[in-house]
Amino acid sequence: MILQQTPGLLKRIYPSLTWKKESENEIFLTFDDGPHPTITRWILDELDKYQAKATFFCVGENLSLFREMAEETRSRGHMLANHTFRHENGWKTRSKNYLKSISACNDLLAEMVNCSNQLFRPPYGRIKRNQISEVRKNYEIVMWSHLSWDFKKNLDISSSIENLQKAQLGSIVVFHDNEKSFGNLKKILPPVLEHWSSLNYEFSVL
């Protein structure tokens, strides 16, 4: 199985979104869909082994359920950012409702962990042009350069690792802290962290 490094079609459609960052020595790890009381803590412990910091794009419903995990993530030096309140697919959601969901997640981040910021990632990477126009008034819309595919059933682990090892400085890499992805994540994250660390990459928040 050949894994795409970049969702090329989406990048051509939405060139104004953030797909990569300029950096001389950093790679940017991101985790979508949490927090989760077990999976997120496992991720934090793995990151600590490499003094790595990451950005966690949180779903508001999970923030409500697992407040202490969100607070711990923040206290351990990571960034929390917005991934809508209910993980809505922008292509299938009325724009008015989509924008309300983003706002609700932002309000919760600010109330819970004093962490209201201007970073947003659309679930599934799916967002309409008119939604982009409105969201960009208040947020930087962050996509990715490399996708782990950890959520994929029957994933070819070696192909995923090989793809991620091609990430270069400034790359934005997507993983997930949800139950569907955890089995694959446990096999993928440790070796790629070791590989990137061997290249002397630093791991920073966005």
Foldseek 3Di string as FASTA:
>chain_A
DADAQAPVVLCVVCVPAAAWADDDFAAAEEAEEADDPPLLVVVLVLCVVLVAEYEYAYAQVRCVVCVVSVQVNVVSPYAYHHAFNHLDAQVPDDLVVRVVRRVSSLVSCCVRRVHRDAEYEYRVNHHDPVSCVVSVVRHRYYDFRGELCLLDPPDPLVNSQVSLLPDDPRGYYYDYRDPSRRVSCVVRVNVSSVSSVVVVHHHDYD
